[in-house]
């Protein structure tokens, strides 16, 4: 699958599962909503522009064997993300301890 990137991206935060687990919203959706705006929806019915979040730029990045979603230019963002990569898990564990 090709990596994707988009400019002036609108984000629909959909929490659709076969069973809603006590109306629990996953942490990644909460973070995206906090920084990109919008609202978490449990259905695609009646979706309109007021529930979309947005960012200036979105892209998927491959780092090692993992894919990351990168959101840039979010109106409420006050943080940055550091991705730590190492040849051995031991070095990452030592970094977490410090």
C-alpha atoms as a PDB file:
ATOM      1  CA  UNK A   1       0.000   0.000   0.000  1.00  0.00           C
ATOM      2  CA  UNK A   2       1.308   3.434  -0.931  1.00  0.00           C
ATOM      3  CA  UNK A   3       1.923   6.073   1.708  1.00  0.00           C
ATOM      4  CA  UNK A   4      -0.513   8.964   1.495  1.00  0.00           C
ATOM      5  CA  UNK A   5      -0.252  12.727   1.927  1.00  0.00           C
ATOM      6  CA  UNK A   6      -2.870  15.477   1.644  1.00  0.00           C
ATOM      7  CA  UNK A   7      -2.937  19.278   1.933  1.00  0.00           C
ATOM      8  CA  UNK A   8      -5.802  21.178   3.632  1.00  0.00           C
ATOM      9  CA  UNK A   9      -7.115  17.920   5.053  1.00  0.00           C
ATOM     10  CA  UNK A  10     -10.601  17.504   6.579  1.00  0.00           C
ATOM     11  CA  UNK A  11     -10.814  14.810   9.227  1.00  0.00           C
ATOM     12  CA  UNK A  12     -13.881  12.703  10.037  1.00  0.00           C
ATOM     13  CA  UNK A  13     -13.435  11.068  13.445  1.00  0.00           C
ATOM     14  CA  UNK A  14     -15.562   7.930  13.214  1.00  0.00           C
ATOM     15  CA  UNK A  15     -15.755   5.491  16.135  1.00  0.00           C
ATOM     16  CA  UNK A  16     -17.734   2.741  14.443  1.00  0.00           C
ATOM     17  CA  UNK A  17     -17.525  -0.761  15.888  1.00  0.00           C
ATOM     18  CA  UNK A  18     -19.816  -3.752  15.857  1.00  0.00           C
ATOM     19  CA  UNK A  19     -20.183  -3.342  19.608  1.00  0.00           C
ATOM     20  CA  UNK A  20     -19.740   0.041  21.241  1.00  0.00           C
ATOM     21  CA  UNK A  21     -17.749  -0.705  24.359  1.00  0.00           C
ATOM     22  CA  UNK A  22     -19.711   1.349  26.890  1.00  0.00           C
ATOM     23  CA  UNK A  23     -19.491   4.410  24.618  1.00  0.00           C
ATOM     24  CA  UNK A  24     -15.685   4.390  25.092  1.00  0.00           C
ATOM     25  CA  UNK A  25     -13.760   6.684  22.731  1.00  0.00           C
ATOM     26  CA  UNK A  26     -10.236   5.457  21.904  1.00  0.00           C
ATOM     27  CA  UNK A  27      -7.393   7.677  23.121  1.00  0.00           C
ATOM     28  CA  UNK A  28      -6.039   8.351  19.623  1.00  0.00           C
ATOM     29  CA  UNK A  29      -9.419   9.774  18.530  1.00  0.00           C
ATOM     30  CA  UNK A  30      -9.549  11.981  21.642  1.00  0.00           C
ATOM     31  CA  UNK A  31      -6.083  13.375  20.908  1.00  0.00           C
ATOM     32  CA  UNK A  32      -6.891  14.000  17.243  1.00  0.00           C
ATOM     33  CA  UNK A  33     -10.137  15.764  18.209  1.00  0.00           C
ATOM     34  CA  UNK A  34      -8.359  17.898  20.818  1.00  0.00           C
ATOM     35  CA  UNK A  35      -5.736  19.209  18.390  1.00  0.00           C
ATOM     36  CA  UNK A  36      -7.551  19.142  15.021  1.00  0.00           C
ATOM     37  CA  UNK A  37     -11.057  20.021  16.220  1.00  0.00           C
ATOM     38  CA  UNK A  38     -14.243  18.316  15.108  1.00  0.00           C
ATOM     39  CA  UNK A  39     -16.330  15.740  16.945  1.00  0.00           C
ATOM     40  CA  UNK A  40     -16.199  11.968  17.329  1.00  0.00           C
ATOM     41  CA  UNK A  41     -19.151  10.406  15.504  1.00  0.00           C
ATOM     42  CA  UNK A  42     -20.553   6.886  15.939  1.00  0.00           C
ATOM     43  CA  UNK A  43     -22.358   6.898  12.577  1.00  0.00           C
ATOM     44  CA  UNK A  44     -21.821   8.417   9.158  1.00  0.00           C
ATOM     45  CA  UNK A  45     -25.488   9.518   8.998  1.00  0.00           C
ATOM     46  CA  UNK A  46     -26.131  13.270   9.133  1.00  0.00           C
ATOM     47  CA  UNK A  47     -22.442  14.091   8.833  1.00  0.00           C
ATOM     48  CA  UNK A  48     -21.788  17.760   8.006  1.00  0.00           C
ATOM     49  CA  UNK A  49     -18.895  20.220   7.976  1.00  0.00           C
ATOM     50  CA  UNK A  50     -19.361  21.184  11.652  1.00  0.00           C
ATOM     51  CA  UNK A  51     -18.123  17.756  12.813  1.00  0.00           C
ATOM     52  CA  UNK A  52     -14.943  17.698  10.704  1.00  0.00           C
ATOM     53  CA  UNK A  53     -11.555  18.447  12.174  1.00  0.00           C
ATOM     54  CA  UNK A  54      -8.868  19.863   9.934  1.00  0.00           C
ATOM     55  CA  UNK A  55      -5.141  20.301   9.518  1.00  0.00           C
ATOM     56  CA  UNK A  56      -2.909  21.980   6.942  1.00  0.00           C
ATOM     57  CA  UNK A  57      -1.061  18.805   6.021  1.00  0.00           C
ATOM     58  CA  UNK A  58      -1.469  15.074   6.687  1.00  0.00           C
ATOM     59  CA  UNK A  59       0.868  12.265   5.708  1.00  0.00           C
ATOM     60  CA  UNK A  60       1.651   8.672   6.517  1.00  0.00           C
ATOM     61  CA  UNK A  61       5.319   7.992   7.244  1.00  0.00           C
ATOM     62  CA  UNK A  62       7.055   4.643   7.355  1.00  0.00           C
ATOM     63  CA  UNK A  63       9.671   4.358  10.111  1.00  0.00           C
ATOM     64  CA  UNK A  64      11.224   0.922  10.217  1.00  0.00           C
ATOM     65  CA  UNK A  65       8.364  -1.559  10.182  1.00  0.00           C
ATOM     66  CA  UNK A  66       5.801   0.895  11.593  1.00  0.00           C
ATOM     67  CA  UNK A  67       3.539   3.477   9.960  1.00  0.00           C
ATOM     68  CA  UNK A  68       2.765   6.787  11.604  1.00  0.00           C
ATOM     69  CA  UNK A  69       0.069   9.362  10.831  1.00  0.00           C
ATOM     70  CA  UNK A  70       1.510  12.882  10.910  1.00  0.00           C
ATOM     71  CA  UNK A  71      -0.842  15.862  11.300  1.00  0.00           C
ATOM     72  CA  UNK A  72       0.700  19.323  10.752  1.00  0.00           C
ATOM     73  CA  UNK A  73      -0.877  22.744  11.099  1.00  0.00           C
ATOM     74  CA  UNK A  74      -3.590  21.764  13.581  1.00  0.00           C
ATOM     75  CA  UNK A  75      -5.251  24.855  15.046  1.00  0.00           C
ATOM     76  CA  UNK A  76      -5.072  23.695  18.690  1.00  0.00           C
ATOM     77  CA  UNK A  77      -1.685  21.935  18.620  1.00  0.00           C
ATOM     78  CA  UNK A  78       0.753  22.940  21.348  1.00  0.00           C
ATOM     79  CA  UNK A  79       3.051  19.921  21.222  1.00  0.00           C
ATOM     80  CA  UNK A  80       5.436  18.036  19.011  1.00  0.00           C
ATOM     81  CA  UNK A  81       6.161  14.335  18.676  1.00  0.00           C
ATOM     82  CA  UNK A  82       9.584  12.737  18.855  1.00  0.00           C
ATOM     83  CA  UNK A  83       9.961   9.314  17.264  1.00  0.00           C
ATOM     84  CA  UNK A  84      12.782   7.331  18.828  1.00  0.00           C
ATOM     85  CA  UNK A  85      14.242   4.484  16.824  1.00  0.00           C
ATOM     86  CA  UNK A  86      17.036   2.146  17.791  1.00  0.00           C
ATOM     87  CA  UNK A  87      18.642  -1.052  16.639  1.00  0.00           C
ATOM     88  CA  UNK A  88      17.925  -2.674  20.004  1.00  0.00           C
ATOM     89  CA  UNK A  89      14.916  -2.479  22.312  1.00  0.00           C
ATOM     90  CA  UNK A  90      17.336  -2.183  25.266  1.00  0.00           C
ATOM     91  CA  UNK A  91      18.420   1.326  24.205  1.00  0.00           C
ATOM     92  CA  UNK A  92      14.824   2.538  23.952  1.00  0.00           C
ATOM     93  CA  UNK A  93      14.060   1.147  27.414  1.00  0.00           C
ATOM     94  CA  UNK A  94      17.079   2.998  28.834  1.00  0.00           C
ATOM     95  CA  UNK A  95      15.829   6.233  27.212  1.00  0.00           C
ATOM     96  CA  UNK A  96      12.415   5.779  28.881  1.00  0.00           C
ATOM     97  CA  UNK A  97      14.074   5.426  32.297  1.00  0.00           C
ATOM     98  CA  UNK A  98      15.916   8.754  32.050  1.00  0.00           C
END
